[in-house]
Amino acid sequence: MAVKQKIDDSEYMDKYKEACDKMEIKVAERVRGECRVFYSAYDSDEDGIPVDNLDEIALVGKIAVICNWPSVIDTEKVLTSEILKSPTWLDLTVISNDLINETCDYHHRFFEGYHIIGETHGGVMLIDLHMGS
């Protein structure tokens, strides 16, 4: 039985960077305005290389993103996205970028996932986005 050989450090870094660069390009092509977000809500393969899941459905159903991050401009403002139907990870990443630009929070730029906050009477799931620095 053949044993899978692990890739060396140099090859690992090249493959890691290539995978991240491809996802960054895909995100940059979809955002409006300047791309400030870094997508990091991906899984990794057996070698630790990021796997592009941007086109996969992140949540099934009607979704609205609620942003109650502290804004540099207006600390009282709560932002809400339009209602999305079964958004992909790329859709949520684009919203993350919009919220970064709207709040002027350029420190928390890594979109790492989401948290379900609740649901409206109309069946819309409310989520908050996890943003890291």
C-alpha atoms as a PDB file:
ATOM      1  CA  MET A   1       0.000   0.000   0.000  1.00  0.00           C
ATOM      2  CA  ALA A   2       1.361   3.397  -1.016  1.00  0.00           C
ATOM      3  CA  VAL A   3       1.733   6.022   1.693  1.00  0.00           C
ATOM      4  CA  LYS A   4       0.838   9.589   0.733  1.00  0.00           C
ATOM      5  CA  GLN A   5       3.907  11.754   0.961  1.00  0.00           C
ATOM      6  CA  LYS A   6       3.381  15.139   2.584  1.00  0.00           C
ATOM      7  CA  ILE A   7       4.368  18.138   0.516  1.00  0.00           C
ATOM      8  CA  ASP A   8       7.474  20.047   1.540  1.00  0.00           C
ATOM      9  CA  ASP A   9       7.360  23.546   3.065  1.00  0.00           C
ATOM     10  CA  SER A  10       8.228  25.356  -0.167  1.00  0.00           C
ATOM     11  CA  GLU A  11       5.604  23.480  -2.187  1.00  0.00           C
ATOM     12  CA  TYR A  12       3.080  23.975   0.620  1.00  0.00           C
ATOM     13  CA  MET A  13       3.563  27.749   0.652  1.00  0.00           C
ATOM     14  CA  ASP A  14       3.289  27.944  -3.144  1.00  0.00           C
ATOM     15  CA  LYS A  15       0.063  25.912  -3.188  1.00  0.00           C
ATOM     16  CA  TYR A  16      -1.368  27.792  -0.214  1.00  0.00           C
ATOM     17  CA  LYS A  17      -0.680  31.167  -1.830  1.00  0.00           C
ATOM     18  CA  GLU A  18      -2.059  30.011  -5.197  1.00  0.00           C
ATOM     19  CA  ALA A  19      -5.316  28.809  -3.589  1.00  0.00           C
ATOM     20  CA  CYS A  20      -5.736  32.057  -1.628  1.00  0.00           C
ATOM     21  CA  ASP A  21      -4.896  34.211  -4.663  1.00  0.00           C
ATOM     22  CA  LYS A  22      -7.570  32.455  -6.753  1.00  0.00           C
ATOM     23  CA  MET A  23     -10.211  33.098  -4.101  1.00  0.00           C
ATOM     24  CA  GLU A  24      -9.110  36.734  -3.672  1.00  0.00           C
ATOM     25  CA  ILE A  25      -9.457  37.309  -7.426  1.00  0.00           C
ATOM     26  CA  LYS A  26     -12.939  35.759  -7.447  1.00  0.00           C
ATOM     27  CA  VAL A  27     -14.002  38.014  -4.558  1.00  0.00           C
ATOM     28  CA  ALA A  28     -12.437  41.137  -6.093  1.00  0.00           C
ATOM     29  CA  GLU A  29     -14.323  40.536  -9.345  1.00  0.00           C
ATOM     30  CA  ARG A  30     -17.658  40.530  -7.481  1.00  0.00           C
ATOM     31  CA  VAL A  31     -17.382  43.353  -4.932  1.00  0.00           C
ATOM     32  CA  ARG A  32     -18.542  46.887  -5.554  1.00  0.00           C
ATOM     33  CA  GLY A  33     -15.786  49.437  -5.132  1.00  0.00           C
ATOM     34  CA  GLU A  34     -12.540  48.659  -3.365  1.00  0.00           C
ATOM     35  CA  CYS A  35     -12.055  45.099  -2.163  1.00  0.00           C
ATOM     36  CA  ARG A  36     -11.129  45.285   1.518  1.00  0.00           C
ATOM     37  CA  VAL A  37     -12.356  41.885   2.717  1.00  0.00           C
ATOM     38  CA  PHE A  38     -10.197  38.769   3.022  1.00  0.00           C
ATOM     39  CA  TYR A  39     -12.136  35.520   2.711  1.00  0.00           C
ATOM     40  CA  SER A  40     -11.158  32.945   5.320  1.00  0.00           C
ATOM     41  CA  ALA A  41     -14.306  30.823   5.860  1.00  0.00           C
ATOM     42  CA  TYR A  42     -12.896  27.929   3.851  1.00  0.00           C
ATOM     43  CA  ASP A  43     -11.986  24.386   4.772  1.00  0.00           C
ATOM     44  CA  SER A  44      -8.561  22.921   4.040  1.00  0.00           C
ATOM     45  CA  ASP A  45      -7.590  19.734   2.244  1.00  0.00           C
ATOM     46  CA  GLU A  46      -5.495  16.957   3.799  1.00  0.00           C
ATOM     47  CA  ASP A  47      -2.321  18.963   3.118  1.00  0.00           C
ATOM     48  CA  GLY A  48      -3.702  22.111   4.762  1.00  0.00           C
ATOM     49  CA  ILE A  49      -4.326  23.916   1.468  1.00  0.00           C
ATOM     50  CA  PRO A  50      -7.459  26.126   1.397  1.00  0.00           C
ATOM     51  CA  VAL A  51     -10.373  24.687  -0.602  1.00  0.00           C
ATOM     52  CA  ASP A  52     -12.437  27.185  -2.613  1.00  0.00           C
ATOM     53  CA  ASN A  53     -16.027  26.934  -1.380  1.00  0.00           C
ATOM     54  CA  LEU A  54     -17.102  30.409  -2.479  1.00  0.00           C
ATOM     55  CA  ASP A  55     -19.718  29.081  -4.910  1.00  0.00           C
ATOM     56  CA  GLU A  56     -21.264  26.713  -2.341  1.00  0.00           C
ATOM     57  CA  ILE A  57     -24.497  27.594  -0.525  1.00  0.00           C
ATOM     58  CA  ALA A  58     -23.660  28.945   2.945  1.00  0.00           C
ATOM     59  CA  LEU A  59     -27.227  28.808   4.316  1.00  0.00           C
ATOM     60  CA  VAL A  60     -30.453  27.469   2.813  1.00  0.00           C
ATOM     61  CA  GLY A  61     -33.526  29.696   2.943  1.00  0.00           C
ATOM     62  CA  LYS A  62     -34.217  33.401   3.298  1.00  0.00           C
ATOM     63  CA  ILE A  63     -31.382  35.235   5.039  1.00  0.00           C
ATOM     64  CA  ALA A  64     -30.758  38.808   6.195  1.00  0.00           C
ATOM     65  CA  VAL A  65     -27.415  39.981   7.553  1.00  0.00           C
ATOM     66  CA  ILE A  66     -27.601  42.218  10.620  1.00  0.00           C
ATOM     67  CA  CYS A  67     -24.523  44.301  11.295  1.00  0.00           C
ATOM     68  CA  ASN A  68     -24.262  45.746  14.770  1.00  0.00           C
ATOM     69  CA  TRP A  69     -20.490  46.208  14.667  1.00  0.00           C
ATOM     70  CA  PRO A  70     -19.302  49.465  16.114  1.00  0.00           C
ATOM     71  CA  SER A  71     -19.017  51.903  13.243  1.00  0.00           C
ATOM     72  CA  VAL A  72     -16.186  54.377  13.107  1.00  0.00           C
ATOM     73  CA  ILE A  73     -18.668  56.893  11.681  1.00  0.00           C
ATOM     74  CA  ASP A  74     -21.957  56.257  13.555  1.00  0.00           C
ATOM     75  CA  THR A  75     -21.927  54.061  16.659  1.00  0.00           C
ATOM     76  CA  GLU A  76     -25.747  53.982  16.884  1.00  0.00           C
ATOM     77  CA  LYS A  77     -26.355  52.688  13.356  1.00  0.00           C
ATOM     78  CA  VAL A  78     -27.440  49.063  12.799  1.00  0.00           C
ATOM     79  CA  LEU A  79     -27.122  47.912   9.196  1.00  0.00           C
ATOM     80  CA  THR A  80     -29.289  45.244   7.574  1.00  0.00           C
ATOM     81  CA  SER A  81     -28.789  43.595   4.184  1.00  0.00           C
ATOM     82  CA  GLU A  82     -31.493  42.917   1.668  1.00  0.00           C
ATOM     83  CA  ILE A  83     -33.131  39.498   2.005  1.00  0.00           C
ATOM     84  CA  LEU A  84     -31.099  36.836   0.234  1.00  0.00           C
ATOM     85  CA  LYS A  85     -32.297  33.408  -0.860  1.00  0.00           C
ATOM     86  CA  SER A  86     -29.818  30.630  -0.065  1.00  0.00           C
ATOM     87  CA  PRO A  87     -26.707  32.832  -0.355  1.00  0.00           C
ATOM     88  CA  THR A  88     -23.336  31.416  -1.331  1.00  0.00           C
ATOM     89  CA  TRP A  89     -20.172  32.078   0.619  1.00  0.00           C
ATOM     90  CA  LEU A  90     -19.262  34.546  -2.135  1.00  0.00           C
ATOM     91  CA  ASP A  91     -22.553  36.428  -1.618  1.00  0.00           C
ATOM     92  CA  LEU A  92     -21.812  36.744   2.107  1.00  0.00           C
ATOM     93  CA  THR A  93     -18.240  37.819   1.379  1.00  0.00           C
ATOM     94  CA  VAL A  94     -19.506  40.613  -0.878  1.00  0.00           C
ATOM     95  CA  ILE A  95     -21.829  41.772   1.919  1.00  0.00           C
ATOM     96  CA  SER A  96     -18.864  41.634   4.323  1.00  0.00           C
ATOM     97  CA  ASN A  97     -16.940  43.944   2.018  1.00  0.00           C
ATOM     98  CA  ASP A  98     -19.914  46.329   1.775  1.00  0.00           C
ATOM     99  CA  LEU A  99     -20.169  46.440   5.569  1.00  0.00           C
ATOM    100  CA  ILE A 100     -16.449  47.082   5.986  1.00  0.00           C
ATOM    101  CA  ASN A 101     -16.787  50.066   3.668  1.00  0.00           C
ATOM    102  CA  GLU A 102     -20.027  51.270   5.302  1.00  0.00           C
ATOM    103  CA  THR A 103     -18.698  51.073   8.878  1.00  0.00           C
ATOM    104  CA  CYS A 104     -15.148  52.176   7.998  1.00  0.00           C
ATOM    105  CA  ASP A 105     -13.871  49.325  10.195  1.00  0.00           C
ATOM    106  CA  TYR A 106     -10.763  48.515   8.183  1.00  0.00           C
ATOM    107  CA  HIS A 107      -9.227  46.528  11.038  1.00  0.00           C
ATOM    108  CA  HIS A 108     -11.682  43.594  11.029  1.00  0.00           C
ATOM    109  CA  ARG A 109     -11.346  42.503   7.394  1.00  0.00           C
ATOM    110  CA  PHE A 110     -11.239  38.703   7.563  1.00  0.00           C
ATOM    111  CA  PHE A 111     -14.639  37.100   6.901  1.00  0.00           C
ATOM    112  CA  GLU A 112     -14.512  33.922   8.987  1.00  0.00           C
ATOM    113  CA  GLY A 113     -18.144  32.759   9.056  1.00  0.00           C
ATOM    114  CA  TYR A 114     -21.521  33.644  10.499  1.00  0.00           C
ATOM    115  CA  HIS A 115     -23.675  33.198  13.570  1.00  0.00           C
ATOM    116  CA  ILE A 116     -27.454  32.727  13.406  1.00  0.00           C
ATOM    117  CA  ILE A 117     -29.058  35.360  15.636  1.00  0.00           C
ATOM    118  CA  GLY A 118     -32.700  34.418  15.198  1.00  0.00           C
ATOM    119  CA  GLU A 119     -35.603  34.348  12.794  1.00  0.00           C
ATOM    120  CA  THR A 120     -38.337  36.831  11.891  1.00  0.00           C
ATOM    121  CA  HIS A 121     -42.039  36.010  11.925  1.00  0.00           C
ATOM    122  CA  GLY A 122     -41.800  35.830   8.127  1.00  0.00           C
ATOM    123  CA  GLY A 123     -39.255  33.017   8.299  1.00  0.00           C
ATOM    124  CA  VAL A 124     -36.171  35.088   7.468  1.00  0.00           C
ATOM    125  CA  MET A 125     -33.035  33.887   9.292  1.00  0.00           C
ATOM    126  CA  LEU A 126     -31.055  36.744  10.805  1.00  0.00           C
ATOM    127  CA  ILE A 127     -27.291  36.284  10.871  1.00  0.00           C
ATOM    128  CA  ASP A 128     -24.288  38.232  12.060  1.00  0.00           C
ATOM    129  CA  LEU A 129     -20.959  37.866  10.256  1.00  0.00           C
ATOM    130  CA  HIS A 130     -17.768  36.857  12.078  1.00  0.00           C
ATOM    131  CA  MET A 131     -15.039  39.287  11.124  1.00  0.00           C
ATOM    132  CA  GLY A 132     -11.486  38.798  12.340  1.00  0.00           C
ATOM    133  CA  SER A 133      -8.357  40.891  12.229  1.00  0.00           C
END
